[in-house]
Amino acid sequence: MFNSQKRNILVTGAYKGIAYATIERLISEPTPYEIIITSRDEKSGQKAIDTLREKYPQSTSTLLYHQLDINNDESVDKLVSWVRNSIGKLDILVNNAAVIYYGDLTFEQKKHTIQTNYFSVVKFTEKLLPYLSDDGKILNISSEMGQLAIQGETLRNALGDSRLTQEKLDDIAERVVDLVFDYKEYGPAKEPIYPASKALLNAYTRYFLVFKLKETQQVYLVHPGWVKTDMGGPDAPGTVQESADTITYVINLPFKKHAELNARMIGDKKVMDY
């Protein structure tokens, strides 16, 4: 059952990886939260909750589960309806669900990356905006790979256009496969689509989402680091525990807008360039 005395957090793609590590960190600490874990596969999500409850039986936080496939409109609408009818409001939304492919990507994999990491996150977020509490906050999990400086010149110029609108941003996202031909490999990002997907999310957050929020609400982009997960791969230098440090830090920031941090990218608990 939902406990209205606790701040609540909804985390997408939360049954493993950095989101799971973050939830484990939260429930091991004294600040009580109502944490809603979501996943595409209900069995995996319930298993994550059972494991955490068994490991932290004395936790003051509460774990709930709801199925969510962020790319499925029916699944999204069911969750939004549940939030509206069972919870009424969200205090923190953590948009963590994302995909990354390695190697030579097919056209379908490229489009799926943009759909999942940009279009679906935007649609999901905007459907939940009416239920974000007056002092609530949104964390969009991004990446340093999304920084404008590492994008190819063509995409960098398109996203840096002073006349950019959200409609134009969506159009760029639709055509992005054709706009990344001049991308140069940067660190672990050998191909351009994942970096482009995060650059699109950054632009949406920075230029448009921030202005859809109330004056008292907050939004952050969070770079959790390159860590050893299914997405990060075995060669990543960091751990999920290290990534949880930064995400937990942002979650635990006061529910009061911080002018120097709001709508910025935070990595290793520090402000980063977009």
C-alpha atoms as a PDB file:
ATOM      1  CA  MET A   1       0.000   0.000   0.000  1.00  0.00           C
ATOM      2  CA  PHE A   2       1.116   3.558  -0.709  1.00  0.00           C
ATOM      3  CA  ASN A   3       2.289   5.540   2.322  1.00  0.00           C
ATOM      4  CA  SER A   4       1.559   9.222   1.800  1.00  0.00           C
ATOM      5  CA  GLN A   5       3.891  10.128   4.688  1.00  0.00           C
ATOM      6  CA  LYS A   6       6.945   9.164   2.637  1.00  0.00           C
ATOM      7  CA  ARG A   7       8.356  10.859  -0.432  1.00  0.00           C
ATOM      8  CA  ASN A   8       7.881   8.547  -3.398  1.00  0.00           C
ATOM      9  CA  ILE A   9      10.239   7.723  -6.242  1.00  0.00           C
ATOM     10  CA  LEU A  10       9.396   6.007  -9.526  1.00  0.00           C
ATOM     11  CA  VAL A  11      12.368   4.424 -11.285  1.00  0.00           C
ATOM     12  CA  THR A  12      12.186   2.994 -14.803  1.00  0.00           C
ATOM     13  CA  GLY A  13      14.234  -0.031 -15.826  1.00  0.00           C
ATOM     14  CA  ALA A  14      15.002  -0.667 -12.192  1.00  0.00           C
ATOM     15  CA  TYR A  15      15.460  -4.405 -11.706  1.00  0.00           C
ATOM     16  CA  LYS A  16      19.218  -4.473 -12.372  1.00  0.00           C
ATOM     17  CA  GLY A  17      22.290  -2.358 -13.069  1.00  0.00           C
ATOM     18  CA  ILE A  18      22.755   1.187 -11.823  1.00  0.00           C
ATOM     19  CA  ALA A  19      19.078   1.687 -10.957  1.00  0.00           C
ATOM     20  CA  TYR A  20      19.045  -1.440  -8.788  1.00  0.00           C
ATOM     21  CA  ALA A  21      22.267  -0.326  -7.078  1.00  0.00           C
ATOM     22  CA  THR A  22      20.721   3.083  -6.444  1.00  0.00           C
ATOM     23  CA  ILE A  23      17.582   1.594  -4.928  1.00  0.00           C
ATOM     24  CA  GLU A  24      19.704  -0.672  -2.736  1.00  0.00           C
ATOM     25  CA  ARG A  25      21.633   2.374  -1.545  1.00  0.00           C
ATOM     26  CA  LEU A  26      18.425   4.250  -0.773  1.00  0.00           C
ATOM     27  CA  ILE A  27      16.783   1.486   1.236  1.00  0.00           C
ATOM     28  CA  SER A  28      19.972   0.936   3.242  1.00  0.00           C
ATOM     29  CA  GLU A  29      19.949   4.564   4.396  1.00  0.00           C
ATOM     30  CA  PRO A  30      17.756   6.125   7.111  1.00  0.00           C
ATOM     31  CA  THR A  31      15.716   8.498   4.925  1.00  0.00           C
ATOM     32  CA  PRO A  32      12.441   6.665   4.183  1.00  0.00           C
ATOM     33  CA  TYR A  33      11.096   6.557   0.635  1.00  0.00           C
ATOM     34  CA  GLU A  34       8.248   4.838  -1.154  1.00  0.00           C
ATOM     35  CA  ILE A  35      10.139   3.372  -4.137  1.00  0.00           C
ATOM     36  CA  ILE A  36       8.260   2.173  -7.198  1.00  0.00           C
ATOM     37  CA  ILE A  37      10.321  -0.280  -9.235  1.00  0.00           C
ATOM     38  CA  THR A  38       9.346  -0.793 -12.863  1.00  0.00           C
ATOM     39  CA  SER A  39      10.515  -3.248 -15.501  1.00  0.00           C
ATOM     40  CA  ARG A  40       9.282  -4.727 -18.749  1.00  0.00           C
ATOM     41  CA  ASP A  41       9.235  -8.228 -17.267  1.00  0.00           C
ATOM     42  CA  GLU A  42       7.130  -8.493 -14.123  1.00  0.00           C
ATOM     43  CA  LYS A  43       8.942 -11.623 -12.892  1.00  0.00           C
ATOM     44  CA  SER A  44      12.314  -9.843 -12.951  1.00  0.00           C
ATOM     45  CA  GLY A  45      10.931  -6.813 -11.152  1.00  0.00           C
ATOM     46  CA  GLN A  46       9.274  -8.848  -8.409  1.00  0.00           C
ATOM     47  CA  LYS A  47      12.447 -10.885  -7.946  1.00  0.00           C
ATOM     48  CA  ALA A  48      14.425  -7.670  -7.452  1.00  0.00           C
ATOM     49  CA  ILE A  49      11.980  -6.505  -4.796  1.00  0.00           C
ATOM     50  CA  ASP A  50      12.004  -9.867  -2.992  1.00  0.00           C
ATOM     51  CA  THR A  51      15.814  -9.887  -2.943  1.00  0.00           C
ATOM     52  CA  LEU A  52      16.023  -6.352  -1.562  1.00  0.00           C
ATOM     53  CA  ARG A  53      13.351  -6.942   1.073  1.00  0.00           C
ATOM     54  CA  GLU A  54      15.159 -10.058   2.261  1.00  0.00           C
ATOM     55  CA  LYS A  55      18.507  -8.262   2.391  1.00  0.00           C
ATOM     56  CA  TYR A  56      17.167  -5.157   4.182  1.00  0.00           C
ATOM     57  CA  PRO A  57      14.301  -6.336   6.407  1.00  0.00           C
ATOM     58  CA  GLN A  58      14.691  -3.353   8.749  1.00  0.00           C
ATOM     59  CA  SER A  59      14.593  -0.705   6.019  1.00  0.00           C
ATOM     60  CA  THR A  60      12.310   2.250   6.677  1.00  0.00           C
ATOM     61  CA  SER A  61      11.647   2.512   2.932  1.00  0.00           C
ATOM     62  CA  THR A  62       8.893   0.660   1.115  1.00  0.00           C
ATOM     63  CA  LEU A  63       9.162  -1.100  -2.251  1.00  0.00           C
ATOM     64  CA  LEU A  64       6.315  -1.332  -4.745  1.00  0.00           C
ATOM     65  CA  TYR A  65       6.255  -2.778  -8.246  1.00  0.00           C
ATOM     66  CA  HIS A  66       4.509  -1.856 -11.478  1.00  0.00           C
ATOM     67  CA  GLN A  67       5.109  -3.249 -14.928  1.00  0.00           C
ATOM     68  CA  LEU A  68       6.337  -0.796 -17.546  1.00  0.00           C
ATOM     69  CA  ASP A  69       7.532  -1.147 -21.111  1.00  0.00           C
ATOM     70  CA  ILE A  70       8.393   2.422 -21.987  1.00  0.00           C
ATOM     71  CA  ASN A  71       8.038   1.661 -25.705  1.00  0.00           C
ATOM     72  CA  ASN A  72       4.525   0.268 -25.319  1.00  0.00           C
ATOM     73  CA  ASP A  73       1.757   2.883 -25.211  1.00  0.00           C
ATOM     74  CA  GLU A  74      -0.706   0.563 -23.463  1.00  0.00           C
ATOM     75  CA  SER A  75       1.845  -0.249 -20.754  1.00  0.00           C
ATOM     76  CA  VAL A  76       2.676   3.433 -20.280  1.00  0.00           C
ATOM     77  CA  ASP A  77      -0.992   4.402 -20.044  1.00  0.00           C
ATOM     78  CA  LYS A  78      -1.667   1.693 -17.451  1.00  0.00           C
ATOM     79  CA  LEU A  79       1.146   2.993 -15.268  1.00  0.00           C
ATOM     80  CA  VAL A  80       0.024   6.607 -15.628  1.00  0.00           C
ATOM     81  CA  SER A  81      -3.525   5.581 -14.724  1.00  0.00           C
ATOM     82  CA  TRP A  82      -2.197   3.713 -11.666  1.00  0.00           C
ATOM     83  CA  VAL A  83      -0.236   6.759 -10.554  1.00  0.00           C
ATOM     84  CA  ARG A  84      -3.312   8.943 -10.956  1.00  0.00           C
ATOM     85  CA  ASN A  85      -5.729   6.611  -9.180  1.00  0.00           C
ATOM     86  CA  SER A  86      -3.538   4.925  -6.552  1.00  0.00           C
ATOM     87  CA  ILE A  87      -0.837   7.445  -5.710  1.00  0.00           C
ATOM     88  CA  GLY A  88      -2.039  10.810  -6.938  1.00  0.00           C
ATOM     89  CA  LYS A  89       1.409  12.369  -7.193  1.00  0.00           C
ATOM     90  CA  LEU A  90       5.087  11.598  -7.747  1.00  0.00           C
ATOM     91  CA  ASP A  91       7.855  13.306  -5.829  1.00  0.00           C
ATOM     92  CA  ILE A  92      10.750  12.000  -7.920  1.00  0.00           C
ATOM     93  CA  LEU A  93      10.810  10.460 -11.397  1.00  0.00           C
ATOM     94  CA  VAL A  94      14.030   8.723 -12.416  1.00  0.00           C
ATOM     95  CA  ASN A  95      14.109   8.052 -16.160  1.00  0.00           C
ATOM     96  CA  ASN A  96      16.676   5.284 -16.265  1.00  0.00           C
ATOM     97  CA  ALA A  97      15.340   2.869 -18.908  1.00  0.00           C
ATOM     98  CA  ALA A  98      17.565   2.898 -21.994  1.00  0.00           C
ATOM     99  CA  VAL A  99      19.251   0.638 -24.535  1.00  0.00           C
ATOM    100  CA  ILE A 100      22.660   0.466 -26.145  1.00  0.00           C
ATOM    101  CA  TYR A 101      23.885  -1.818 -28.914  1.00  0.00           C
ATOM    102  CA  TYR A 102      27.483  -2.694 -29.717  1.00  0.00           C
ATOM    103  CA  GLY A 103      29.197  -3.593 -32.972  1.00  0.00           C
ATOM    104  CA  ASP A 104      27.799  -2.875 -36.405  1.00  0.00           C
ATOM    105  CA  LEU A 105      24.254  -1.738 -35.809  1.00  0.00           C
ATOM    106  CA  THR A 106      21.365  -2.549 -38.089  1.00  0.00           C
ATOM    107  CA  PHE A 107      19.017   0.226 -39.135  1.00  0.00           C
ATOM    108  CA  GLU A 108      16.366  -1.275 -36.842  1.00  0.00           C
ATOM    109  CA  GLN A 109      18.746  -1.180 -33.869  1.00  0.00           C
ATOM    110  CA  LYS A 110      19.583   2.448 -34.571  1.00  0.00           C
ATOM    111  CA  LYS A 111      15.928   3.438 -34.723  1.00  0.00           C
ATOM    112  CA  HIS A 112      15.150   1.410 -31.587  1.00  0.00           C
ATOM    113  CA  THR A 113      17.902   3.233 -29.702  1.00  0.00           C
ATOM    114  CA  ILE A 114      16.490   6.642 -30.612  1.00  0.00           C
ATOM    115  CA  GLN A 115      12.939   5.513 -29.892  1.00  0.00           C
ATOM    116  CA  THR A 116      13.793   4.148 -26.449  1.00  0.00           C
ATOM    117  CA  ASN A 117      16.334   6.711 -25.260  1.00  0.00           C
ATOM    118  CA  TYR A 118      14.631   9.812 -26.631  1.00  0.00           C
ATOM    119  CA  PHE A 119      11.083   9.598 -27.982  1.00  0.00           C
ATOM    120  CA  SER A 120       9.708   7.199 -25.366  1.00  0.00           C
ATOM    121  CA  VAL A 121      11.352   9.023 -22.458  1.00  0.00           C
ATOM    122  CA  VAL A 122       9.890  12.332 -23.646  1.00  0.00           C
ATOM    123  CA  LYS A 123       6.386  10.901 -24.102  1.00  0.00           C
ATOM    124  CA  PHE A 124       6.469   9.086 -20.763  1.00  0.00           C
ATOM    125  CA  THR A 125       7.749  12.132 -18.890  1.00  0.00           C
ATOM    126  CA  GLU A 126       5.150  14.475 -20.317  1.00  0.00           C
ATOM    127  CA  LYS A 127       2.331  12.077 -19.462  1.00  0.00           C
ATOM    128  CA  LEU A 128       3.485  12.111 -15.838  1.00  0.00           C
ATOM    129  CA  LEU A 129       4.084  15.858 -15.518  1.00  0.00           C
ATOM    130  CA  PRO A 130       0.535  16.542 -14.238  1.00  0.00           C
ATOM    131  CA  TYR A 131       1.254  14.225 -11.300  1.00  0.00           C
ATOM    132  CA  LEU A 132       4.658  15.606 -10.306  1.00  0.00           C
ATOM    133  CA  SER A 133       4.360  17.192  -6.874  1.00  0.00           C
ATOM    134  CA  ASP A 134       4.750  20.958  -6.619  1.00  0.00           C
ATOM    135  CA  ASP A 135       8.312  20.584  -5.318  1.00  0.00           C
ATOM    136  CA  GLY A 136       9.071  17.378  -7.212  1.00  0.00           C
ATOM    137  CA  LYS A 137      12.090  16.571  -9.292  1.00  0.00           C
ATOM    138  CA  ILE A 138      12.943  14.645 -12.440  1.00  0.00           C
ATOM    139  CA  LEU A 139      16.239  12.853 -13.031  1.00  0.00           C
ATOM    140  CA  ASN A 140      16.990  11.990 -16.640  1.00  0.00           C
ATOM    141  CA  ILE A 141      19.842   9.488 -16.662  1.00  0.00           C
ATOM    142  CA  SER A 142      22.113  10.651 -19.456  1.00  0.00           C
ATOM    143  CA  SER A 143      25.809  10.193 -20.241  1.00  0.00           C
ATOM    144  CA  GLU A 144      28.925  12.183 -20.981  1.00  0.00           C
ATOM    145  CA  MET A 145      28.603  10.503 -24.390  1.00  0.00           C
ATOM    146  CA  GLY A 146      25.724  12.897 -24.995  1.00  0.00           C
ATOM    147  CA  GLN A 147      27.849  16.012 -24.604  1.00  0.00           C
ATOM    148  CA  LEU A 148      27.665  18.279 -27.629  1.00  0.00           C
ATOM    149  CA  ALA A 149      31.450  18.508 -27.868  1.00  0.00           C
ATOM    150  CA  ILE A 150      31.812  14.863 -28.886  1.00  0.00           C
ATOM    151  CA  GLN A 151      29.027  14.811 -31.480  1.00  0.00           C
ATOM    152  CA  GLY A 152      29.833  15.215 -35.136  1.00  0.00           C
ATOM    153  CA  GLU A 153      29.685  18.760 -36.458  1.00  0.00           C
ATOM    154  CA  THR A 154      26.418  18.187 -38.346  1.00  0.00           C
ATOM    155  CA  LEU A 155      24.444  17.033 -35.308  1.00  0.00           C
ATOM    156  CA  ARG A 156      26.215  19.512 -33.040  1.00  0.00           C
ATOM    157  CA  ASN A 157      25.164  22.412 -35.257  1.00  0.00           C
ATOM    158  CA  ALA A 158      21.588  21.131 -35.526  1.00  0.00           C
ATOM    159  CA  LEU A 159      21.197  20.858 -31.741  1.00  0.00           C
ATOM    160  CA  GLY A 160      22.933  24.181 -31.163  1.00  0.00           C
ATOM    161  CA  ASP A 161      20.620  26.124 -33.453  1.00  0.00           C
ATOM    162  CA  SER A 162      19.240  29.146 -31.586  1.00  0.00           C
ATOM    163  CA  ARG A 163      15.923  28.666 -33.439  1.00  0.00           C
ATOM    164  CA  LEU A 164      15.487  25.097 -32.188  1.00  0.00           C
ATOM    165  CA  THR A 165      11.948  24.158 -31.192  1.00  0.00           C
ATOM    166  CA  GLN A 166      10.717  20.892 -29.753  1.00  0.00           C
ATOM    167  CA  GLU A 167       9.093  20.116 -33.100  1.00  0.00           C
ATOM    168  CA  LYS A 168      12.427  20.665 -34.814  1.00  0.00           C
ATOM    169  CA  LEU A 169      14.168  18.560 -32.185  1.00  0.00           C
ATOM    170  CA  ASP A 170      11.771  15.695 -32.901  1.00  0.00           C
ATOM    171  CA  ASP A 171      12.483  16.090 -36.605  1.00  0.00           C
ATOM    172  CA  ILE A 172      16.225  15.900 -35.927  1.00  0.00           C
ATOM    173  CA  ALA A 173      15.615  12.737 -33.915  1.00  0.00           C
ATOM    174  CA  GLU A 174      13.652  11.219 -36.804  1.00  0.00           C
ATOM    175  CA  ARG A 175      16.519  11.952 -39.196  1.00  0.00           C
ATOM    176  CA  VAL A 176      19.448  11.471 -36.829  1.00  0.00           C
ATOM    177  CA  VAL A 177      20.696   8.300 -38.535  1.00  0.00           C
ATOM    178  CA  ASP A 178      21.565  10.521 -41.499  1.00  0.00           C
ATOM    179  CA  LEU A 179      23.061  13.290 -39.355  1.00  0.00           C
ATOM    180  CA  VAL A 180      25.841  11.376 -37.603  1.00  0.00           C
ATOM    181  CA  PHE A 181      28.039  10.526 -40.594  1.00  0.00           C
ATOM    182  CA  ASP A 182      30.808  12.847 -39.377  1.00  0.00           C
ATOM    183  CA  TYR A 183      30.960  11.466 -35.833  1.00  0.00           C
ATOM    184  CA  LYS A 184      34.453  10.606 -34.616  1.00  0.00           C
ATOM    185  CA  GLU A 185      34.965   7.813 -32.096  1.00  0.00           C
ATOM    186  CA  TYR A 186      35.242   9.008 -28.521  1.00  0.00           C
ATOM    187  CA  GLY A 187      36.335   6.736 -25.690  1.00  0.00           C
ATOM    188  CA  PRO A 188      34.095   3.673 -25.449  1.00  0.00           C
ATOM    189  CA  ALA A 189      31.561   5.140 -27.911  1.00  0.00           C
ATOM    190  CA  LYS A 190      32.659   3.554 -31.177  1.00  0.00           C
ATOM    191  CA  GLU A 191      29.395   4.280 -32.964  1.00  0.00           C
ATOM    192  CA  PRO A 192      27.343   7.509 -32.959  1.00  0.00           C
ATOM    193  CA  ILE A 193      23.744   6.472 -32.255  1.00  0.00           C
ATOM    194  CA  TYR A 194      23.884   6.022 -28.481  1.00  0.00           C
ATOM    195  CA  PRO A 195      25.747   9.334 -27.998  1.00  0.00           C
ATOM    196  CA  ALA A 196      23.232  11.008 -30.324  1.00  0.00           C
ATOM    197  CA  SER A 197      20.285   9.593 -28.362  1.00  0.00           C
ATOM    198  CA  LYS A 198      21.632  11.108 -25.146  1.00  0.00           C
ATOM    199  CA  ALA A 199      22.458  14.410 -26.851  1.00  0.00           C
ATOM    200  CA  LEU A 200      18.806  14.573 -27.952  1.00  0.00           C
ATOM    201  CA  LEU A 201      17.624  13.856 -24.407  1.00  0.00           C
ATOM    202  CA  ASN A 202      19.966  16.520 -23.061  1.00  0.00           C
ATOM    203  CA  ALA A 203      18.610  19.082 -25.519  1.00  0.00           C
ATOM    204  CA  TYR A 204      15.005  18.255 -24.620  1.00  0.00           C
ATOM    205  CA  THR A 205      15.735  18.540 -20.900  1.00  0.00           C
ATOM    206  CA  ARG A 206      17.789  21.709 -21.181  1.00  0.00           C
ATOM    207  CA  TYR A 207      15.729  23.689 -23.687  1.00  0.00           C
ATOM    208  CA  PHE A 208      12.157  22.457 -23.278  1.00  0.00           C
ATOM    209  CA  LEU A 209      11.372  20.279 -20.251  1.00  0.00           C
ATOM    210  CA  VAL A 210      12.791  22.807 -17.797  1.00  0.00           C
ATOM    211  CA  PHE A 211      10.253  25.387 -19.025  1.00  0.00           C
ATOM    212  CA  LYS A 212       7.316  22.979 -18.665  1.00  0.00           C
ATOM    213  CA  LEU A 213       7.921  22.630 -14.946  1.00  0.00           C
ATOM    214  CA  LYS A 214       6.558  24.817 -12.206  1.00  0.00           C
ATOM    215  CA  GLU A 215       8.902  27.378 -10.679  1.00  0.00           C
ATOM    216  CA  THR A 216       9.289  25.150  -7.620  1.00  0.00           C
ATOM    217  CA  GLN A 217      10.035  21.920  -9.519  1.00  0.00           C
ATOM    218  CA  GLN A 218      13.482  20.654 -10.510  1.00  0.00           C
ATOM    219  CA  VAL A 219      15.046  18.612 -13.316  1.00  0.00           C
ATOM    220  CA  TYR A 220      18.514  17.150 -13.647  1.00  0.00           C
ATOM    221  CA  LEU A 221      20.577  15.293 -16.191  1.00  0.00           C
ATOM    222  CA  VAL A 222      22.724  12.698 -14.460  1.00  0.00           C
ATOM    223  CA  HIS A 223      25.896  11.095 -15.808  1.00  0.00           C
ATOM    224  CA  PRO A 224      26.314   7.907 -13.746  1.00  0.00           C
ATOM    225  CA  GLY A 225      29.714   7.080 -15.226  1.00  0.00           C
ATOM    226  CA  TRP A 226      30.918   4.250 -17.421  1.00  0.00           C
ATOM    227  CA  VAL A 227      30.323   1.243 -15.211  1.00  0.00           C
ATOM    228  CA  LYS A 228      30.300  -2.537 -15.453  1.00  0.00           C
ATOM    229  CA  THR A 229      26.725  -3.464 -16.333  1.00  0.00           C
ATOM    230  CA  ASP A 230      24.993  -5.251 -19.195  1.00  0.00           C
ATOM    231  CA  MET A 231      24.886  -1.862 -20.918  1.00  0.00           C
ATOM    232  CA  GLY A 232      28.315  -0.630 -19.883  1.00  0.00           C
ATOM    233  CA  GLY A 233      30.072  -3.879 -20.720  1.00  0.00           C
ATOM    234  CA  PRO A 234      32.866  -5.752 -18.908  1.00  0.00           C
ATOM    235  CA  ASP A 235      35.608  -3.267 -19.837  1.00  0.00           C
ATOM    236  CA  ALA A 236      34.039  -0.331 -18.000  1.00  0.00           C
ATOM    237  CA  PRO A 237      36.301   1.062 -15.268  1.00  0.00           C
ATOM    238  CA  GLY A 238      33.595   1.933 -12.744  1.00  0.00           C
ATOM    239  CA  THR A 239      31.171   0.006 -10.545  1.00  0.00           C
ATOM    240  CA  VAL A 240      27.425   0.272 -10.105  1.00  0.00           C
ATOM    241  CA  GLN A 241      28.052   1.325  -6.516  1.00  0.00           C
ATOM    242  CA  GLU A 242      30.020   4.348  -7.762  1.00  0.00           C
ATOM    243  CA  SER A 243      27.231   5.286 -10.152  1.00  0.00           C
ATOM    244  CA  ALA A 244      24.718   4.985  -7.319  1.00  0.00           C
ATOM    245  CA  ASP A 245      26.699   7.619  -5.397  1.00  0.00           C
ATOM    246  CA  THR A 246      25.858  10.383  -7.865  1.00  0.00           C
ATOM    247  CA  ILE A 247      22.249   9.364  -8.502  1.00  0.00           C
ATOM    248  CA  THR A 248      21.550   9.057  -4.766  1.00  0.00           C
ATOM    249  CA  TYR A 249      23.217  12.412  -4.195  1.00  0.00           C
ATOM    250  CA  VAL A 250      20.822  14.094  -6.643  1.00  0.00           C
ATOM    251  CA  ILE A 251      17.785  12.240  -5.283  1.00  0.00           C
ATOM    252  CA  ASN A 252      18.645  13.396  -1.768  1.00  0.00           C
ATOM    253  CA  LEU A 253      19.117  17.042  -2.715  1.00  0.00           C
ATOM    254  CA  PRO A 254      16.623  19.249  -0.832  1.00  0.00           C
ATOM    255  CA  PHE A 255      13.174  19.601  -2.354  1.00  0.00           C
ATOM    256  CA  LYS A 256      13.960  23.206  -3.099  1.00  0.00           C
ATOM    257  CA  LYS A 257      15.168  24.510  -6.444  1.00  0.00           C
ATOM    258  CA  HIS A 258      18.915  25.087  -6.534  1.00  0.00           C
ATOM    259  CA  ALA A 259      19.544  27.731  -9.203  1.00  0.00           C
ATOM    260  CA  GLU A 260      23.110  26.595  -9.878  1.00  0.00           C
ATOM    261  CA  LEU A 261      22.218  22.917 -10.228  1.00  0.00           C
ATOM    262  CA  ASN A 262      18.738  22.891 -11.734  1.00  0.00           C
ATOM    263  CA  ALA A 263      18.644  21.688 -15.363  1.00  0.00           C
ATOM    264  CA  ARG A 264      22.373  20.963 -15.300  1.00  0.00           C
ATOM    265  CA  MET A 265      24.239  17.720 -15.944  1.00  0.00           C
ATOM    266  CA  ILE A 266      25.661  16.218 -12.758  1.00  0.00           C
ATOM    267  CA  GLY A 267      28.447  13.646 -12.757  1.00  0.00           C
ATOM    268  CA  ASP A 268      30.552  12.514  -9.801  1.00  0.00           C
ATOM    269  CA  LYS A 269      28.479  14.997  -7.759  1.00  0.00           C
ATOM    270  CA  LYS A 270      29.784  17.887  -9.888  1.00  0.00           C
ATOM    271  CA  VAL A 271      28.335  20.036 -12.665  1.00  0.00           C
ATOM    272  CA  MET A 272      29.435  18.948 -16.145  1.00  0.00           C
ATOM    273  CA  ASP A 273      29.266  20.573 -19.561  1.00  0.00           C
ATOM    274  CA  TYR A 274      26.287  19.589 -21.705  1.00  0.00           C
END
